[in-house]
Amino acid sequence: MTAGAGTMSGARGPAGFRSAAGLRSAAGLRSAAGLRSAATAAHGPAASSAPARPDRGSSPIVPITVQGTAMGGRFVLHLDGEEASARRDAQRILKRVHRWSDRLTRHASWSELIALNADPHSSVEVGPTLAGALRAGRRAGEAGEGLVDVTLLDARLAAEGLPAEDRWTDGRRGPNLRGDVGVGASMPQATQAPTAPDGRPCTSWSMVDGRRGTATVKRPVGMRFDLGGVGKGWIADRALNLLARYPSAVVDADGDLAIRCAAGRQWSIAVDDPRHPGTALAILRLAAPAAGRASRWGVATSGISIHRWSEDGALRHHLIDPRTGAPAVTDLVQATVVAGSTLRAEALAKAAVIAGLHDGFALLERAGAIGAVVLTDRGETLALPSTLSLLDD
């Protein structure tokens, strides 16, 4: 299966993989030789064991695959088990995923997220699903050291040249949403996005926990949220939790993967090459030691090669740098990160791309990433030293 595309693949990565440990520059690029695996990191979630180089005796997995859609993209379950029960369980999980997605997407008028974004009040009560995803957004922001921010919807729309007020012209509240706008009633349009004195987006907000998982969101009037990759990572992790009866399973949320592997088994994950569709930069082998217990990882890819466009001759893309409120100026085209959860991998991959090669590798070091593969704007494919043991020969 492919990180970034979510398809089964037998492609092999090209030879010549370079470890970032060998990089030096006059600008002070740090060596990545001292990077730690998540198993020894001082903070952040970790897999149950940092995977060693796969034993050649490790048994590959040929899963039962069931596909659906969620959060505006493909959602695929790969389960290692008896076919009839695996397909039955997969359909049950997909129904749960659809319910979560319906509350979090910005692509459906009945979404609770759209209701929150259009609400004219600074204090808004939200249900447990949206509250959980927003809490995940705060954790993602912490993991990405502030470079991942779920409040930048209007900055993204502005970068695309689309006025924010044109996006939700026919929003509707769904049947389980709170507030003073009734079911089926048109919602008021959001006001202009709040800005700081220097003109950059205002990103300060908070949550007050309520009963049974609900919360009250407190934000400046006009602040709007975009859960995007954070929502997909959060949903993938939750879905994998519901598949506990399967020691080996993968939840593929449009390329962001939540992975569990039984002892003595292995998954092969292809990292897409955005320059050449259908080919791979590398193959990651994620294996659980035969003498241990099931291991769990998250693998996520972020980059500037998919959602991009040209404006006045300049290349623009969808990854907004919170420090500027504009598309990030970066020398990384793509980053794929292996971490202890899909949410954390998604946050670290996005933050690394926004930060760029030098600062991105330093950030991954501090975060204790299990592994990472990046593609630079010079066409170089680089990996953290901790990743080399995971790469196919």
Protein backbone atom coordinates (compact mmCIF):
# COMPACT_ATOMS: atom_id res chain seq x y z
CA MET A 1 0.00 0.00 0.00
CA THR A 2 1.16 3.48 -0.68
CA ALA A 3 1.70 6.33 1.76
CA GLY A 4 0.16 9.29 0.00
CA ALA A 5 -2.07 7.27 -2.31
CA GLY A 6 -3.26 4.31 -0.30
CA THR A 7 -2.96 1.62 -2.96
CA MET A 8 -1.31 -1.77 -2.87
CA SER A 9 1.98 -1.58 -4.70
CA GLY A 10 4.83 -3.85 -5.62
CA ALA A 11 7.03 -1.00 -6.82
CA ARG A 12 10.50 -0.69 -5.41
CA GLY A 13 12.21 2.53 -4.45
CA PRO A 14 15.20 3.66 -6.51
CA ALA A 15 18.72 2.92 -5.42
CA GLY A 16 20.86 5.68 -3.99
CA PHE A 17 18.91 6.54 -0.86
CA ARG A 18 20.91 9.00 1.22
CA SER A 19 20.80 9.39 4.96
CA ALA A 20 20.45 12.94 6.21
CA ALA A 21 23.30 12.08 8.56
CA GLY A 22 25.76 12.75 5.78
CA LEU A 23 24.48 16.23 4.97
CA ARG A 24 26.55 19.29 5.81
CA SER A 25 26.31 22.88 4.67
CA ALA A 26 27.90 26.22 5.40
CA ALA A 27 24.46 27.42 6.44
CA GLY A 28 24.68 25.15 9.46
CA LEU A 29 22.56 22.15 8.50
CA ARG A 30 22.63 19.85 11.49
CA SER A 31 23.59 16.23 11.24
CA ALA A 32 20.66 13.92 11.80
CA ALA A 33 22.97 11.17 13.03
CA GLY A 34 21.77 11.59 16.59
CA LEU A 35 18.07 11.16 15.87
CA ARG A 36 16.21 8.93 18.28
CA SER A 37 13.44 6.48 17.55
CA ALA A 38 10.06 7.04 19.17
CA ALA A 39 10.80 4.16 21.52
CA THR A 40 13.50 6.22 23.24
CA ALA A 41 12.08 9.70 22.75
CA ALA A 42 11.57 11.79 25.84
CA HIS A 43 8.08 12.83 24.86
CA GLY A 44 5.22 12.03 22.51
CA PRO A 45 3.41 8.76 21.74
CA ALA A 46 5.46 5.84 20.52
CA ALA A 47 4.88 2.54 18.82
CA SER A 48 4.95 -0.46 21.12
CA SER A 49 8.43 -1.18 19.78
CA ALA A 50 10.67 0.62 17.36
CA PRO A 51 10.77 -1.78 14.40
CA ALA A 52 14.11 -3.36 13.64
CA ARG A 53 15.10 -4.32 10.14
CA PRO A 54 12.54 -6.91 9.05
CA ASP A 55 13.59 -10.49 9.55
CA ARG A 56 13.65 -12.25 6.21
CA GLY A 57 11.50 -14.87 7.90
CA SER A 58 8.79 -12.32 8.68
CA SER A 59 5.55 -13.32 7.06
CA PRO A 60 4.08 -10.77 4.62
CA ILE A 61 0.39 -10.03 4.95
CA VAL A 62 -2.14 -10.48 2.15
CA PRO A 63 -5.16 -8.63 3.54
CA ILE A 64 -8.85 -8.46 2.86
CA THR A 65 -9.45 -4.95 1.46
CA VAL A 66 -12.68 -2.96 1.70
CA GLN A 67 -12.94 0.58 0.33
CA GLY A 68 -15.21 3.52 1.04
CA THR A 69 -15.04 7.34 1.19
CA ALA A 70 -14.72 9.85 4.02
CA MET A 71 -13.56 13.45 4.57
CA GLY A 72 -13.65 14.11 0.82
CA GLY A 73 -11.28 11.24 -0.04
CA ARG A 74 -10.83 7.47 -0.19
CA PHE A 75 -10.99 5.44 3.00
CA VAL A 76 -9.70 1.87 2.83
CA LEU A 77 -9.48 -0.92 5.41
CA HIS A 78 -6.95 -3.76 5.04
CA LEU A 79 -7.64 -6.61 7.49
CA ASP A 80 -5.76 -9.85 8.06
CA GLY A 81 -8.46 -12.35 8.92
CA GLU A 82 -11.19 -14.66 7.71
CA GLU A 83 -12.78 -13.03 4.67
CA ALA A 84 -16.48 -13.09 5.58
CA SER A 85 -16.00 -11.69 9.09
CA ALA A 86 -13.37 -9.20 7.90
CA ARG A 87 -15.71 -7.77 5.27
CA ARG A 88 -18.57 -7.62 7.76
CA ASP A 89 -16.45 -5.82 10.35
CA ALA A 90 -15.02 -3.48 7.72
CA GLN A 91 -18.49 -2.38 6.62
CA ARG A 92 -19.46 -1.79 10.25
CA ILE A 93 -16.39 0.39 10.82
CA LEU A 94 -16.96 2.29 7.57
CA LYS A 95 -20.44 3.22 8.77
CA ARG A 96 -18.94 4.66 11.96
CA VAL A 97 -16.31 6.50 9.92
CA HIS A 98 -19.02 8.04 7.73
CA ARG A 99 -20.83 9.33 10.81
CA TRP A 100 -17.64 10.90 12.14
CA SER A 101 -16.78 12.35 8.74
CA ASP A 102 -20.25 13.85 8.31
CA ARG A 103 -19.64 15.94 11.43
CA LEU A 104 -16.09 17.02 10.56
CA THR A 105 -16.01 17.62 6.81
CA ARG A 106 -16.22 21.05 5.19
CA HIS A 107 -17.56 19.45 2.00
CA ALA A 108 -21.14 18.79 3.22
CA SER A 109 -23.67 21.43 4.21
CA TRP A 110 -24.92 19.43 7.22
CA SER A 111 -21.49 19.19 8.84
CA GLU A 112 -21.15 20.32 12.45
CA LEU A 113 -17.85 21.91 11.46
CA ILE A 114 -19.64 24.12 8.95
CA ALA A 115 -22.15 25.08 11.64
CA LEU A 116 -19.33 26.07 13.97
CA ASN A 117 -17.58 28.07 11.25
CA ALA A 118 -20.77 29.96 10.36
CA ASP A 119 -21.88 30.65 13.92
CA PRO A 120 -21.69 34.42 14.65
CA HIS A 121 -20.89 33.95 18.33
CA SER A 122 -17.47 33.80 19.96
CA SER A 123 -18.52 30.97 22.29
CA VAL A 124 -20.06 27.89 20.67
CA GLU A 125 -20.97 24.53 22.19
CA VAL A 126 -20.03 21.53 20.03
CA GLY A 127 -20.80 17.82 20.22
CA PRO A 128 -18.37 15.11 21.32
CA THR A 129 -17.10 14.13 17.86
CA LEU A 130 -16.18 17.64 16.79
CA ALA A 131 -14.83 18.39 20.26
CA GLY A 132 -12.59 15.31 20.06
CA ALA A 133 -11.28 16.30 16.64
CA LEU A 134 -10.58 19.85 17.79
CA ARG A 135 -8.67 18.51 20.79
CA ALA A 136 -6.68 16.44 18.31
CA GLY A 137 -6.02 19.64 16.38
CA ARG A 138 -4.50 21.19 19.49
CA ARG A 139 -2.28 18.12 19.99
CA ALA A 140 -1.21 18.31 16.36
CA GLY A 141 -0.28 21.96 16.84
CA GLU A 142 1.87 21.05 19.83
CA ALA A 143 3.57 18.19 17.95
CA GLY A 144 4.30 20.49 15.01
CA GLU A 145 5.64 23.24 17.28
CA GLY A 146 2.98 25.68 16.08
CA LEU A 147 3.40 24.99 12.36
CA VAL A 148 0.19 22.94 12.20
CA ASP A 149 -2.84 25.14 12.84
CA VAL A 150 -6.47 24.15 12.28
CA THR A 151 -7.69 27.78 12.30
CA LEU A 152 -6.22 28.78 8.94
CA LEU A 153 -9.17 28.01 6.66
CA ASP A 154 -9.58 31.60 5.52
CA ALA A 155 -5.86 31.98 4.87
CA ARG A 156 -6.00 28.90 2.65
CA LEU A 157 -9.07 30.18 0.78
CA ALA A 158 -7.40 33.56 0.34
CA ALA A 159 -4.33 31.83 -1.09
CA GLU A 160 -6.61 30.05 -3.56
CA GLY A 161 -8.11 33.40 -4.55
CA LEU A 162 -11.55 32.46 -3.22
CA PRO A 163 -13.38 34.94 -0.95
CA ALA A 164 -14.21 33.20 2.32
CA GLU A 165 -17.83 34.37 2.26
CA ASP A 166 -18.40 32.53 -1.03
CA ARG A 167 -17.72 29.11 0.45
CA TRP A 168 -20.74 28.54 2.70
CA THR A 169 -23.60 30.22 0.86
CA ASP A 170 -26.09 27.45 1.63
CA GLY A 171 -24.99 25.92 4.91
CA ARG A 172 -27.56 23.93 6.86
CA ARG A 173 -27.61 22.63 10.39
CA GLY A 174 -27.94 18.90 10.87
CA PRO A 175 -30.36 17.22 13.29
CA ASN A 176 -27.94 16.82 16.23
CA LEU A 177 -26.31 20.24 16.31
CA ARG A 178 -26.66 22.79 19.09
CA GLY A 179 -27.20 26.51 18.81
CA ASP A 180 -29.96 28.99 18.11
CA VAL A 181 -30.29 28.18 14.40
CA GLY A 182 -32.96 25.54 13.88
CA VAL A 183 -32.82 22.45 11.71
CA GLY A 184 -33.17 23.36 8.05
CA ALA A 185 -32.67 27.08 8.66
CA SER A 186 -30.06 29.02 6.71
CA MET A 187 -27.04 29.84 8.81
CA PRO A 188 -25.63 33.37 9.06
CA GLN A 189 -22.50 34.03 7.07
CA ALA A 190 -19.21 34.14 8.95
CA THR A 191 -17.69 37.56 9.37
CA GLN A 192 -14.24 38.53 8.15
CA ALA A 193 -11.47 36.35 9.55
CA PRO A 194 -9.81 37.93 12.61
CA THR A 195 -6.28 39.20 12.23
CA ALA A 196 -3.47 40.17 14.60
CA PRO A 197 -2.14 43.76 14.65
CA ASP A 198 0.58 42.83 12.15
CA GLY A 199 -2.04 41.59 9.67
CA ARG A 200 -1.35 37.88 10.10
CA PRO A 201 -4.23 35.52 10.97
CA CYS A 202 -5.27 35.49 14.61
CA THR A 203 -4.94 31.88 15.77
CA SER A 204 -5.67 32.09 19.50
CA TRP A 205 -8.59 29.94 20.69
CA SER A 206 -9.50 27.65 23.56
CA MET A 207 -11.91 24.92 24.63
CA VAL A 208 -13.80 24.32 27.85
CA ASP A 209 -14.73 20.67 28.35
CA GLY A 210 -18.37 19.85 28.95
CA ARG A 211 -20.34 16.75 29.83
CA ARG A 212 -20.03 13.47 27.93
CA GLY A 213 -17.25 14.66 25.65
CA THR A 214 -18.85 17.92 24.57
CA ALA A 215 -17.01 21.24 24.74
CA THR A 216 -17.46 24.95 24.35
CA VAL A 217 -15.19 26.52 21.74
CA LYS A 218 -14.06 30.05 22.56
CA ARG A 219 -12.57 31.92 19.61
CA PRO A 220 -12.57 35.40 18.06
CA VAL A 221 -15.69 36.05 16.02
CA GLY A 222 -15.02 35.02 12.43
CA MET A 223 -12.33 32.42 13.18
CA ARG A 224 -13.00 29.29 11.10
CA PHE A 225 -11.55 25.82 11.32
CA ASP A 226 -10.31 23.36 8.71
CA LEU A 227 -9.70 19.87 10.09
CA GLY A 228 -8.47 18.34 6.81
CA GLY A 229 -5.44 16.12 7.44
CA VAL A 230 -5.83 16.36 11.22
CA GLY A 231 -9.36 15.00 10.92
CA LYS A 232 -8.25 12.15 8.69
CA GLY A 233 -5.44 11.17 11.04
CA TRP A 234 -7.72 11.32 14.07
CA ILE A 235 -10.39 9.21 12.35
CA ALA A 236 -7.81 6.65 11.17
CA ASP A 237 -6.50 6.18 14.72
CA ARG A 238 -10.02 5.81 16.12
CA ALA A 239 -11.00 3.32 13.42
CA LEU A 240 -7.95 1.17 14.13
CA ASN A 241 -8.89 1.17 17.83
CA LEU A 242 -12.25 -0.36 16.88
CA LEU A 243 -10.48 -3.16 14.99
CA ALA A 244 -8.72 -4.52 18.07
CA ARG A 245 -9.71 -8.10 17.26
CA TYR A 246 -7.39 -7.97 14.22
CA PRO A 247 -3.72 -8.20 15.27
CA SER A 248 -2.77 -7.01 11.77
CA ALA A 249 -4.78 -4.20 10.20
CA VAL A 250 -4.30 -0.97 8.26
CA VAL A 251 -6.70 1.95 8.12
CA ASP A 252 -5.90 4.11 5.09
CA ALA A 253 -7.45 7.57 5.33
CA ASP A 254 -6.67 8.88 1.85
CA GLY A 255 -2.97 8.06 2.25
CA ASP A 256 -2.59 8.63 6.00
CA LEU A 257 -2.15 5.16 7.50
CA ALA A 258 -2.92 3.73 10.95
CA ILE A 259 -1.05 0.42 11.11
CA ARG A 260 -1.02 -2.53 13.47
CA CYS A 261 1.14 -5.58 12.86
CA ALA A 262 1.04 -8.94 14.63
CA ALA A 263 4.21 -10.49 16.01
CA GLY A 264 6.27 -12.11 13.29
CA ARG A 265 4.39 -10.37 10.47
CA GLN A 266 5.17 -7.35 8.29
CA TRP A 267 3.48 -4.70 6.17
CA SER A 268 5.11 -3.20 3.06
CA ILE A 269 4.36 0.50 2.57
CA ALA A 270 5.28 2.27 -0.67
CA VAL A 271 6.12 5.99 -0.48
CA ASP A 272 4.76 7.71 -3.58
CA ASP A 273 7.03 9.65 -5.91
CA PRO A 274 4.96 12.75 -6.78
CA ARG A 275 7.05 13.35 -9.92
CA HIS A 276 6.20 9.98 -11.43
CA PRO A 277 2.69 8.69 -10.65
CA GLY A 278 2.61 4.98 -10.03
CA THR A 279 6.22 4.78 -8.90
CA ALA A 280 7.72 4.82 -5.41
CA LEU A 281 10.47 6.77 -3.73
CA ALA A 282 10.94 3.90 -1.29
CA ILE A 283 9.37 0.84 0.27
CA LEU A 284 9.03 0.81 4.06
CA ARG A 285 8.95 -2.57 5.79
CA LEU A 286 7.12 -2.32 9.11
CA ALA A 287 7.50 -5.56 11.02
CA ALA A 288 6.75 -6.74 14.56
CA PRO A 289 9.40 -8.93 16.22
CA ALA A 290 8.43 -12.60 16.27
CA ALA A 291 9.11 -12.84 20.00
CA GLY A 292 7.24 -9.65 20.89
CA ARG A 293 3.70 -8.34 20.74
CA ALA A 294 1.76 -6.49 18.07
CA SER A 295 3.29 -3.17 17.07
CA ARG A 296 1.48 -0.01 16.00
CA TRP A 297 2.53 2.94 13.87
CA GLY A 298 1.15 5.89 11.96
CA VAL A 299 2.50 6.80 8.53
CA ALA A 300 1.50 10.07 6.86
CA THR A 301 2.61 12.11 3.87
CA SER A 302 2.34 15.86 3.34
CA GLY A 303 3.57 17.93 0.45
CA ILE A 304 3.06 20.74 -2.01
CA SER A 305 2.68 18.69 -5.20
CA ILE A 306 -1.05 17.87 -5.08
CA HIS A 307 -3.01 21.02 -4.20
CA ARG A 308 -1.06 23.69 -6.06
CA TRP A 309 -1.66 26.38 -8.66
CA SER A 310 0.02 29.32 -10.33
CA GLU A 311 -0.70 32.96 -9.55
CA ASP A 312 1.01 35.74 -11.49
CA GLY A 313 3.64 33.26 -12.54
CA ALA A 314 4.38 32.16 -8.96
CA LEU A 315 3.73 28.65 -7.68
CA ARG A 316 1.23 28.53 -4.83
CA HIS A 317 0.03 25.62 -2.71
CA HIS A 318 -2.31 24.76 0.16
CA LEU A 319 0.17 24.42 3.06
CA ILE A 320 -0.15 27.67 4.97
CA ASP A 321 2.69 28.84 7.21
CA PRO A 322 1.05 30.19 10.40
CA ARG A 323 3.98 32.57 10.81
CA THR A 324 3.08 34.44 7.61
CA GLY A 325 -0.51 33.47 6.80
CA ALA A 326 0.64 32.60 3.26
CA PRO A 327 1.71 29.40 1.45
CA ALA A 328 4.96 28.16 2.98
CA VAL A 329 8.22 28.99 1.24
CA THR A 330 10.01 25.67 1.47
CA ASP A 331 12.67 23.56 -0.20
CA LEU A 332 10.78 20.33 0.54
CA VAL A 333 8.32 18.93 -1.97
CA GLN A 334 7.13 16.07 0.21
CA ALA A 335 7.69 14.45 3.59
CA THR A 336 6.56 11.02 4.77
CA VAL A 337 6.84 10.41 8.51
CA VAL A 338 6.55 7.25 10.62
CA ALA A 339 5.35 7.95 14.17
CA GLY A 340 3.45 6.30 17.00
CA SER A 341 0.05 7.45 15.72
CA THR A 342 -1.42 8.66 12.45
CA LEU A 343 -2.36 12.01 13.96
CA ARG A 344 1.21 12.60 15.12
CA ALA A 345 2.68 11.43 11.79
CA GLU A 346 0.35 13.79 9.92
CA ALA A 347 1.32 16.73 12.12
CA LEU A 348 5.05 16.05 11.85
CA ALA A 349 4.96 15.54 8.08
CA LYS A 350 3.14 18.82 7.53
CA ALA A 351 5.34 20.73 9.96
CA ALA A 352 8.51 19.35 8.33
CA VAL A 353 7.43 20.51 4.87
CA ILE A 354 6.50 23.97 6.13
CA ALA A 355 9.76 24.28 8.09
CA GLY A 356 11.95 23.16 5.19
CA LEU A 357 14.86 20.73 5.07
CA HIS A 358 17.15 22.23 7.72
CA ASP A 359 14.58 23.16 10.33
CA GLY A 360 12.30 20.25 9.41
CA PHE A 361 14.89 17.61 10.24
CA ALA A 362 15.68 19.40 13.50
CA LEU A 363 11.97 19.42 14.36
CA LEU A 364 11.68 15.69 13.61
CA GLU A 365 14.69 15.07 15.84
CA ARG A 366 13.10 16.90 18.75
CA ALA A 367 9.82 15.06 18.18
CA GLY A 368 11.47 11.64 18.20
CA ALA A 369 10.10 10.57 14.82
CA ILE A 370 10.49 6.84 14.19
CA GLY A 371 11.47 7.58 10.59
CA ALA A 372 11.06 10.02 7.71
CA VAL A 373 11.62 10.14 3.95
CA VAL A 374 11.67 13.52 2.19
CA LEU A 375 11.94 14.77 -1.38
CA THR A 376 13.64 18.14 -1.89
CA ASP A 377 13.05 20.69 -4.62
CA ARG A 378 16.44 19.65 -6.03
CA GLY A 379 15.18 16.13 -6.60
CA GLU A 380 17.09 14.59 -3.69
CA THR A 381 15.49 11.77 -1.71
CA LEU A 382 16.70 11.85 1.90
CA ALA A 383 15.93 9.74 4.95
CA LEU A 384 16.54 10.09 8.65
CA PRO A 385 19.15 7.54 9.82
CA SER A 386 16.49 5.85 11.95
CA THR A 387 14.57 5.13 8.73
CA LEU A 388 17.34 3.21 7.00
CA SER A 389 16.61 0.00 8.90
CA LEU A 390 13.04 0.14 7.61
CA LEU A 391 13.88 0.55 3.94
CA ASP A 392 13.72 -2.22 1.40
CA ASP A 393 17.11 -3.17 -0.04
